Every structure is written in C-alpha cells, then in structure tokens.
Amino acid sequence: MISRENRVIIVFGLLSLVVLYVMTQLIDLPTWAGIAEVIIVGVMVPQLINRTYGE
C-alpha cells in the first residue's frame, strides 16, 4: 500500500514534469525558470503539504 506522503510526492512530481513540458513547448522562458518550477512544484510544495498534514 502506498502511503499518503508517497502519493503526494508522486502526483506533484508528475505535475511538475507536465508543467515543465508545457513551459518548454509553449512559452519561451529562460532555463532558470524551468529549473525553479521543478524545484518549487516537484520538491518544495510536496514537502510543505506533507509537513502540514503529517501525522
């Protein structure tokens, strides 16, 4: 059984990849913006959610 924390990490990791793909294909942004998006959406947001709703 997958724990709630792992589900949050997986969902936001996949969301981060989808947003990164859309950003690179549709919007002409600098490289640092894509890196920042992956760090914020894929790493920081799941940690904040898991800390806030942790057991």
N, C-alpha and C. Protein backbone atom coordinates (compact mmCIF):
# COMPACT_ATOMS: atom_id res chain seq x y z
N MET A 1 0.84 -1.18 0.00
CA MET A 1 0.00 0.00 0.00
C MET A 1 0.88 1.24 0.00
N ILE A 2 0.58 2.17 -0.85
CA ILE A 2 1.35 3.40 -0.95
C ILE A 2 0.85 4.38 0.11
N SER A 3 1.79 4.96 0.84
CA SER A 3 1.40 5.90 1.89
C SER A 3 0.94 7.23 1.28
N ARG A 4 0.26 8.02 2.08
CA ARG A 4 -0.24 9.32 1.62
C ARG A 4 0.90 10.22 1.20
N GLU A 5 2.00 10.20 1.96
CA GLU A 5 3.15 11.04 1.64
C GLU A 5 3.72 10.69 0.26
N ASN A 6 3.83 9.40 -0.02
CA ASN A 6 4.35 8.98 -1.31
C ASN A 6 3.42 9.35 -2.46
N ARG A 7 2.11 9.25 -2.22
CA ARG A 7 1.16 9.65 -3.26
C ARG A 7 1.29 11.14 -3.57
N VAL A 8 1.45 11.96 -2.54
CA VAL A 8 1.61 13.41 -2.75
C VAL A 8 2.87 13.68 -3.55
N ILE A 9 3.96 13.03 -3.22
CA ILE A 9 5.23 13.23 -3.92
C ILE A 9 5.11 12.79 -5.38
N ILE A 10 4.49 11.65 -5.63
CA ILE A 10 4.34 11.16 -7.00
C ILE A 10 3.47 12.10 -7.82
N VAL A 11 2.35 12.53 -7.27
CA VAL A 11 1.43 13.41 -8.01
C VAL A 11 2.11 14.73 -8.35
N PHE A 12 2.78 15.34 -7.39
CA PHE A 12 3.42 16.61 -7.65
C PHE A 12 4.66 16.46 -8.53
N GLY A 13 5.33 15.33 -8.46
CA GLY A 13 6.45 15.08 -9.37
C GLY A 13 5.97 14.99 -10.82
N LEU A 14 4.89 14.25 -11.04
CA LEU A 14 4.32 14.16 -12.38
C LEU A 14 3.77 15.50 -12.86
N LEU A 15 3.12 16.23 -11.96
CA LEU A 15 2.60 17.55 -12.30
C LEU A 15 3.74 18.48 -12.69
N SER A 16 4.83 18.40 -11.99
CA SER A 16 6.00 19.22 -12.29
C SER A 16 6.54 18.92 -13.69
N LEU A 17 6.59 17.65 -14.05
CA LEU A 17 7.07 17.29 -15.38
C LEU A 17 6.13 17.77 -16.48
N VAL A 18 4.83 17.68 -16.24
CA VAL A 18 3.85 18.16 -17.22
C VAL A 18 3.96 19.67 -17.40
N VAL A 19 4.06 20.39 -16.29
CA VAL A 19 4.18 21.85 -16.37
C VAL A 19 5.50 22.24 -17.05
N LEU A 20 6.58 21.52 -16.76
CA LEU A 20 7.86 21.80 -17.40
C LEU A 20 7.76 21.58 -18.91
N TYR A 21 7.12 20.51 -19.32
CA TYR A 21 6.94 20.24 -20.75
C TYR A 21 6.14 21.36 -21.43
N VAL A 22 5.05 21.76 -20.79
CA VAL A 22 4.23 22.84 -21.36
C VAL A 22 5.03 24.15 -21.42
N MET A 23 5.79 24.42 -20.37
CA MET A 23 6.59 25.64 -20.35
C MET A 23 7.62 25.65 -21.47
N THR A 24 8.26 24.52 -21.73
CA THR A 24 9.31 24.49 -22.74
C THR A 24 8.74 24.49 -24.16
N GLN A 25 7.55 23.96 -24.34
CA GLN A 25 6.98 23.87 -25.68
C GLN A 25 6.18 25.10 -26.08
N LEU A 26 5.49 25.72 -25.13
CA LEU A 26 4.58 26.81 -25.47
C LEU A 26 5.10 28.19 -25.12
N ILE A 27 5.98 28.26 -24.14
CA ILE A 27 6.44 29.56 -23.64
C ILE A 27 7.95 29.61 -23.75
N ASP A 28 8.47 30.72 -24.25
CA ASP A 28 9.91 30.87 -24.38
C ASP A 28 10.47 31.55 -23.14
N LEU A 29 10.80 30.73 -22.14
CA LEU A 29 11.33 31.24 -20.88
C LEU A 29 12.80 30.85 -20.74
N PRO A 30 13.54 31.57 -19.91
CA PRO A 30 14.93 31.17 -19.68
C PRO A 30 15.02 29.83 -18.95
N THR A 31 16.19 29.23 -19.01
CA THR A 31 16.40 27.92 -18.42
C THR A 31 16.17 27.92 -16.91
N TRP A 32 16.55 29.02 -16.25
CA TRP A 32 16.41 29.06 -14.79
C TRP A 32 14.95 28.99 -14.37
N ALA A 33 14.03 29.43 -15.21
CA ALA A 33 12.61 29.38 -14.86
C ALA A 33 12.12 27.93 -14.81
N GLY A 34 12.58 27.11 -15.73
CA GLY A 34 12.21 25.70 -15.71
C GLY A 34 12.78 24.98 -14.50
N ILE A 35 14.04 25.30 -14.18
CA ILE A 35 14.66 24.70 -13.01
C ILE A 35 13.92 25.11 -11.74
N ALA A 36 13.58 26.39 -11.64
CA ALA A 36 12.86 26.89 -10.47
C ALA A 36 11.49 26.23 -10.35
N GLU A 37 10.81 26.03 -11.47
CA GLU A 37 9.49 25.39 -11.46
C GLU A 37 9.59 23.97 -10.93
N VAL A 38 10.58 23.22 -11.39
CA VAL A 38 10.74 21.84 -10.94
C VAL A 38 11.04 21.79 -9.45
N ILE A 39 11.90 22.69 -8.99
CA ILE A 39 12.24 22.70 -7.56
C ILE A 39 11.03 23.08 -6.71
N ILE A 40 10.30 24.09 -7.14
CA ILE A 40 9.16 24.56 -6.34
C ILE A 40 8.01 23.56 -6.37
N VAL A 41 7.57 23.17 -7.57
CA VAL A 41 6.39 22.30 -7.69
C VAL A 41 6.74 20.85 -7.35
N GLY A 42 7.90 20.38 -7.73
CA GLY A 42 8.23 18.98 -7.55
C GLY A 42 8.86 18.64 -6.21
N VAL A 43 9.42 19.64 -5.51
CA VAL A 43 10.13 19.35 -4.27
C VAL A 43 9.52 20.10 -3.08
N MET A 44 9.42 21.42 -3.19
CA MET A 44 9.02 22.22 -2.02
C MET A 44 7.54 22.07 -1.66
N VAL A 45 6.67 22.11 -2.66
CA VAL A 45 5.23 22.01 -2.38
C VAL A 45 4.86 20.67 -1.72
N PRO A 46 5.35 19.53 -2.23
CA PRO A 46 5.03 18.27 -1.54
C PRO A 46 5.55 18.22 -0.11
N GLN A 47 6.73 18.79 0.14
CA GLN A 47 7.25 18.80 1.50
C GLN A 47 6.37 19.65 2.41
N LEU A 48 5.92 20.79 1.92
CA LEU A 48 5.04 21.64 2.73
C LEU A 48 3.72 20.95 3.02
N ILE A 49 3.17 20.30 2.01
CA ILE A 49 1.90 19.59 2.20
C ILE A 49 2.06 18.45 3.20
N ASN A 50 3.14 17.68 3.06
CA ASN A 50 3.36 16.56 3.98
C ASN A 50 3.63 17.03 5.40
N ARG A 51 4.30 18.15 5.57
CA ARG A 51 4.52 18.69 6.92
C ARG A 51 3.24 19.22 7.53
N THR A 52 2.42 19.88 6.70
CA THR A 52 1.18 20.48 7.20
C THR A 52 0.17 19.40 7.60
N TYR A 53 0.01 18.39 6.76
CA TYR A 53 -0.97 17.36 7.03
C TYR A 53 -0.37 16.07 7.54
N GLY A 54 0.85 16.15 8.08
CA GLY A 54 1.54 14.97 8.60
C GLY A 54 0.87 14.43 9.85
N GLU A 55 1.24 13.23 10.17
CA GLU A 55 0.63 12.56 11.32
C GLU A 55 1.41 12.79 12.57
